[in-house]
N, C-alpha and C. Protein backbone atom coordinates (compact mmCIF):
# COMPACT_ATOMS: atom_id res chain seq x y z
N MET A 1 172.45 -83.64 -165.60
CA MET A 1 173.84 -84.31 -165.11
C MET A 1 173.54 -83.45 -163.71
N ARG A 2 173.50 -81.92 -163.18
CA ARG A 2 173.30 -81.31 -162.27
C ARG A 2 172.17 -81.78 -161.07
N THR A 3 171.19 -81.99 -162.24
CA THR A 3 169.88 -82.71 -161.73
C THR A 3 169.93 -84.10 -160.73
N MET A 4 170.65 -84.40 -161.44
CA MET A 4 170.84 -86.18 -160.88
C MET A 4 171.62 -85.77 -159.29
N LEU A 5 172.74 -85.06 -159.57
CA LEU A 5 173.39 -84.62 -158.47
C LEU A 5 172.78 -84.50 -157.55
N VAL A 6 171.67 -83.23 -157.73
CA VAL A 6 171.21 -82.72 -156.76
C VAL A 6 169.73 -83.51 -156.18
N LEU A 7 169.71 -84.89 -156.75
CA LEU A 7 168.46 -85.67 -156.70
C LEU A 7 169.48 -86.58 -155.26
N ALA A 8 170.45 -86.90 -155.55
CA ALA A 8 171.37 -87.57 -155.26
C ALA A 8 171.51 -87.22 -153.32
N LEU A 9 172.26 -85.99 -153.40
CA LEU A 9 172.61 -85.56 -152.78
C LEU A 9 171.31 -85.01 -151.33
N LEU A 10 169.92 -84.73 -152.35
CA LEU A 10 169.01 -84.66 -151.18
C LEU A 10 168.66 -86.34 -150.79
N ALA A 11 168.71 -87.06 -151.80
CA ALA A 11 168.24 -88.21 -150.86
C ALA A 11 169.21 -88.63 -149.48
N PHE A 12 170.72 -88.21 -149.70
CA PHE A 12 171.43 -88.76 -148.71
C PHE A 12 170.95 -87.86 -147.80
N ALA A 13 170.50 -87.11 -147.66
CA ALA A 13 170.31 -85.71 -146.66
C ALA A 13 168.69 -86.12 -145.87
N MET A 14 167.78 -86.70 -146.57
CA MET A 14 166.65 -86.98 -146.09
C MET A 14 167.19 -87.82 -144.81
N PRO A 15 166.24 -87.18 -143.93
CA PRO A 15 165.97 -88.50 -142.07
C PRO A 15 165.64 -89.80 -142.41
N ALA A 16 166.25 -90.68 -141.60
CA ALA A 16 165.53 -92.01 -141.81
C ALA A 16 164.33 -91.82 -140.75
N TYR A 17 163.46 -92.86 -141.22
CA TYR A 17 162.11 -92.90 -140.04
C TYR A 17 162.26 -94.41 -139.76
N ALA A 18 161.76 -94.12 -138.58
CA ALA A 18 161.40 -95.81 -137.58
C ALA A 18 160.80 -96.66 -138.19
N ALA A 19 160.70 -97.75 -138.63
CA ALA A 19 159.53 -98.91 -138.97
C ALA A 19 158.71 -99.21 -137.71
N ASN A 20 157.52 -99.57 -137.65
CA ASN A 20 156.57 -100.33 -136.85
C ASN A 20 156.62 -101.91 -137.06
N HIS A 21 156.98 -102.56 -136.25
CA HIS A 21 156.70 -104.19 -136.52
C HIS A 21 155.48 -104.49 -135.95
N ALA A 22 154.77 -105.59 -136.28
CA ALA A 22 153.85 -106.26 -135.59
C ALA A 22 154.14 -107.30 -134.66
N VAL A 23 153.61 -107.68 -133.57
CA VAL A 23 153.42 -109.21 -132.92
C VAL A 23 152.03 -109.39 -132.52
N GLN A 24 151.82 -110.66 -132.88
CA GLN A 24 150.40 -111.04 -132.30
C GLN A 24 150.73 -111.62 -131.52
N ILE A 25 149.80 -111.58 -130.62
CA ILE A 25 149.94 -112.93 -129.27
C ILE A 25 148.73 -113.79 -129.15
N LYS A 26 148.79 -115.07 -130.00
CA LYS A 26 147.64 -116.30 -130.10
C LYS A 26 148.24 -117.02 -129.59
N GLY A 27 147.20 -118.12 -128.97
CA GLY A 27 147.37 -119.55 -128.96
C GLY A 27 148.55 -119.62 -128.07
N MET A 28 148.44 -118.26 -126.87
CA MET A 28 149.59 -118.84 -125.72
C MET A 28 151.30 -118.70 -126.70
N LYS A 29 151.63 -118.10 -128.22
CA LYS A 29 152.22 -117.79 -128.66
C LYS A 29 152.93 -116.34 -129.45
N PHE A 30 153.72 -116.02 -129.34
CA PHE A 30 154.07 -114.74 -129.87
C PHE A 30 154.42 -115.14 -131.08
N ASN A 31 153.96 -114.38 -132.34
CA ASN A 31 154.07 -114.51 -133.61
C ASN A 31 154.20 -113.27 -134.12
N PRO A 32 155.34 -113.21 -134.99
CA PRO A 32 156.86 -114.10 -134.93
C PRO A 32 157.33 -114.26 -133.62
N SER A 33 157.91 -114.99 -132.77
CA SER A 33 158.29 -114.95 -131.58
C SER A 33 160.11 -114.26 -131.58
N LYS A 34 160.31 -114.55 -132.74
CA LYS A 34 161.67 -113.67 -133.07
C LYS A 34 162.01 -112.59 -134.16
N ILE A 35 162.13 -111.40 -133.86
CA ILE A 35 162.07 -110.22 -134.62
C ILE A 35 163.30 -109.60 -134.57
N SER A 36 163.93 -109.40 -135.96
CA SER A 36 164.62 -108.27 -135.93
C SER A 36 164.69 -106.64 -136.25
N VAL A 37 165.15 -105.66 -135.52
CA VAL A 37 164.33 -104.49 -136.19
C VAL A 37 165.58 -103.64 -135.73
N ALA A 38 165.36 -102.62 -136.42
CA ALA A 38 166.69 -101.50 -135.80
C ALA A 38 166.41 -100.86 -135.07
N VAL A 39 167.25 -100.39 -134.36
CA VAL A 39 167.30 -99.45 -133.00
C VAL A 39 166.29 -97.92 -133.20
N GLY A 40 165.40 -97.82 -132.41
CA GLY A 40 164.72 -96.77 -132.93
C GLY A 40 163.05 -96.97 -133.47
N ASP A 41 162.93 -98.16 -133.79
CA ASP A 41 162.20 -98.52 -134.33
C ASP A 41 160.93 -99.01 -133.39
N THR A 42 159.74 -99.20 -133.55
CA THR A 42 158.66 -99.73 -132.74
C THR A 42 158.30 -100.89 -133.00
N ILE A 43 157.53 -101.88 -132.28
CA ILE A 43 157.23 -102.72 -131.63
C ILE A 43 155.41 -102.70 -131.80
N THR A 44 154.24 -103.46 -132.22
CA THR A 44 153.28 -103.05 -131.54
C THR A 44 152.83 -104.96 -131.57
N PHE A 45 152.33 -105.15 -130.35
CA PHE A 45 152.02 -106.32 -129.69
C PHE A 45 150.81 -106.17 -129.31
N THR A 46 149.78 -107.09 -130.18
CA THR A 46 148.22 -107.03 -129.86
C THR A 46 148.21 -108.50 -129.63
N ASN A 47 147.08 -108.22 -128.65
CA ASN A 47 146.34 -109.38 -127.88
C ASN A 47 145.33 -109.91 -128.98
N ALA A 48 145.48 -111.19 -129.44
CA ALA A 48 143.96 -111.89 -129.95
C ALA A 48 144.12 -113.16 -129.44
N ASP A 49 144.21 -113.06 -128.14
CA ASP A 49 144.54 -114.81 -127.54
C ASP A 49 143.25 -114.50 -126.52
N SER A 50 142.84 -115.34 -126.15
CA SER A 50 141.50 -115.19 -124.97
C SER A 50 141.67 -114.69 -123.46
N MET A 51 142.81 -114.88 -123.33
CA MET A 51 143.02 -114.30 -122.40
C MET A 51 144.49 -113.26 -121.59
N THR A 52 144.17 -112.76 -120.64
CA THR A 52 145.70 -111.71 -120.93
C THR A 52 146.83 -111.60 -120.62
N HIS A 53 147.63 -110.87 -121.52
CA HIS A 53 149.07 -111.47 -121.50
C HIS A 53 150.11 -109.94 -121.65
N THR A 54 151.57 -110.39 -121.32
CA THR A 54 151.96 -109.14 -121.34
C THR A 54 153.78 -109.80 -122.05
N ALA A 55 153.98 -108.62 -122.90
CA ALA A 55 155.61 -108.82 -123.68
C ALA A 55 156.79 -108.05 -122.68
N THR A 56 157.45 -108.60 -122.01
CA THR A 56 157.98 -108.14 -120.79
C THR A 56 159.42 -108.26 -121.20
N ALA A 57 160.37 -107.60 -121.43
CA ALA A 57 161.87 -108.21 -122.02
C ALA A 57 162.70 -107.78 -120.86
N LEU A 58 163.42 -108.87 -120.57
CA LEU A 58 163.97 -109.51 -119.27
C LEU A 58 164.85 -108.71 -119.01
N ASP A 59 165.61 -107.67 -119.64
CA ASP A 59 166.55 -106.61 -119.21
C ASP A 59 165.91 -105.46 -118.83
N GLY A 60 164.49 -105.48 -118.66
CA GLY A 60 163.59 -104.17 -118.58
C GLY A 60 163.78 -102.99 -119.90
N SER A 61 164.07 -103.25 -120.98
CA SER A 61 164.37 -102.28 -121.90
C SER A 61 162.65 -102.36 -122.38
N PHE A 62 161.86 -102.99 -122.43
CA PHE A 62 160.49 -102.80 -122.42
C PHE A 62 159.68 -103.57 -121.85
N ASP A 63 158.24 -103.02 -121.66
CA ASP A 63 156.97 -103.57 -121.05
C ASP A 63 155.62 -103.12 -121.42
N THR A 64 155.05 -104.14 -121.84
CA THR A 64 153.46 -103.60 -122.71
C THR A 64 152.49 -103.64 -121.16
N GLY A 65 153.09 -104.05 -120.06
CA GLY A 65 151.89 -104.01 -119.14
C GLY A 65 150.95 -105.10 -119.51
N HIS A 66 149.53 -105.28 -118.87
CA HIS A 66 149.01 -106.37 -119.21
C HIS A 66 147.81 -106.25 -120.37
N LEU A 67 148.04 -106.69 -120.99
CA LEU A 67 147.11 -106.40 -122.69
C LEU A 67 145.81 -107.18 -122.77
N ALA A 68 144.66 -106.79 -122.40
CA ALA A 68 143.34 -107.73 -122.45
C ALA A 68 143.74 -107.84 -123.92
N THR A 69 142.16 -109.42 -124.00
CA THR A 69 141.52 -109.59 -125.35
C THR A 69 141.65 -108.60 -126.23
N GLY A 70 142.41 -108.26 -127.71
CA GLY A 70 142.00 -107.59 -128.37
C GLY A 70 142.82 -106.12 -128.15
N LYS A 71 143.36 -105.87 -127.42
CA LYS A 71 144.34 -104.58 -126.92
C LYS A 71 146.17 -104.88 -127.41
N SER A 72 145.98 -103.60 -127.56
CA SER A 72 147.55 -103.72 -128.37
C SER A 72 148.11 -102.32 -127.98
N ALA A 73 149.43 -102.75 -127.66
CA ALA A 73 150.98 -101.69 -126.87
C ALA A 73 152.20 -101.36 -128.10
N LYS A 74 152.52 -100.11 -127.75
CA LYS A 74 153.27 -99.91 -128.60
C LYS A 74 154.93 -99.87 -127.95
N VAL A 75 155.70 -100.19 -128.35
CA VAL A 75 157.16 -100.12 -127.72
C VAL A 75 158.26 -99.85 -128.57
N LYS A 76 159.06 -98.85 -128.08
CA LYS A 76 160.21 -98.62 -128.47
C LYS A 76 161.84 -99.46 -128.49
N VAL A 77 162.41 -99.38 -129.38
CA VAL A 77 163.61 -100.21 -129.17
C VAL A 77 164.62 -98.99 -129.11
N SER A 78 165.61 -99.17 -128.18
CA SER A 78 166.07 -98.02 -128.06
C SER A 78 167.75 -97.84 -127.93
N ALA A 79 168.01 -100.21 -127.69
CA ALA A 79 168.78 -100.07 -127.45
C ALA A 79 169.46 -101.44 -128.42
N ALA A 80 170.77 -101.40 -129.04
CA ALA A 80 171.24 -102.44 -129.84
C ALA A 80 171.16 -104.00 -128.58
N GLY A 81 171.23 -104.83 -129.66
CA GLY A 81 171.43 -106.00 -129.41
C GLY A 81 170.37 -107.42 -128.80
N ALA A 82 170.65 -108.07 -128.21
CA ALA A 82 169.48 -109.11 -128.15
C ALA A 82 168.33 -108.37 -127.12
N HIS A 83 167.33 -108.90 -127.07
CA HIS A 83 166.06 -108.73 -125.69
C HIS A 83 165.20 -109.61 -126.07
N PRO A 84 165.44 -110.86 -125.19
CA PRO A 84 164.86 -111.79 -125.14
C PRO A 84 163.45 -111.15 -123.95
N PHE A 85 162.44 -111.63 -124.33
CA PHE A 85 161.03 -111.09 -123.71
C PHE A 85 160.33 -112.55 -123.34
N HIS A 86 159.29 -112.22 -122.71
CA HIS A 86 157.97 -113.47 -122.14
C HIS A 86 156.89 -112.62 -121.94
N CYS A 87 155.91 -113.51 -121.68
CA CYS A 87 154.66 -112.76 -120.90
C CYS A 87 155.02 -112.99 -119.40
N ALA A 88 154.80 -112.27 -118.77
CA ALA A 88 155.25 -111.89 -117.15
C ALA A 88 154.16 -112.75 -116.63
N ILE A 89 153.11 -113.12 -116.99
CA ILE A 89 151.99 -114.19 -116.70
C ILE A 89 151.83 -115.37 -117.11
N HIS A 90 152.25 -115.71 -118.21
CA HIS A 90 152.70 -117.21 -118.70
C HIS A 90 154.40 -117.12 -118.73
N SER A 91 154.87 -118.24 -118.04
CA SER A 91 156.41 -117.82 -118.59
C SER A 91 156.86 -118.50 -119.36
N SER A 92 156.04 -119.40 -120.15
CA SER A 92 155.91 -120.57 -120.96
C SER A 92 156.65 -120.03 -122.37
N MET A 93 155.87 -118.63 -122.29
CA MET A 93 155.79 -117.59 -123.66
C MET A 93 157.09 -117.01 -123.31
N LYS A 94 157.72 -117.28 -124.65
CA LYS A 94 159.10 -116.39 -125.27
C LYS A 94 159.07 -115.91 -126.01
N GLY A 95 160.46 -115.04 -126.41
CA GLY A 95 160.62 -114.18 -127.80
C GLY A 95 162.02 -113.72 -127.57
N THR A 96 162.06 -113.34 -128.87
CA THR A 96 163.55 -112.39 -128.60
C THR A 96 163.19 -110.97 -129.90
N VAL A 97 163.93 -110.19 -129.41
CA VAL A 97 163.71 -108.95 -130.05
C VAL A 97 165.38 -108.71 -130.41
N THR A 98 165.79 -108.62 -132.15
CA THR A 98 167.53 -108.54 -132.17
C THR A 98 167.24 -106.95 -132.71
N ALA A 99 168.16 -105.89 -132.30
CA ALA A 99 168.13 -104.59 -132.59
C ALA A 99 169.48 -104.59 -133.08
N LYS A 100 169.75 -103.48 -134.63
CA LYS A 100 171.18 -103.46 -134.61
C LYS A 100 171.26 -102.28 -134.75
């Protein structure tokens, strides 16, 4: 019984680790275009398209910069709420990160 109590207390004392999520850019689209994450998580944007793209938050909370074909960039989500983003080069490409 005491061992179970100690294990339960240790489980609550362990730090939470941020998760990494993936978004692929292909065919002039973000996939997925809508993603839910926790504050502190990271998102890796990978360009699998034949042209350069960005993933730029409209609120300025993140920006991958220009990603050439085959390149990736990680961004950290540091604030709760909805963070719409787009490709700064191709305005028709849009998505939303929702962080809790």
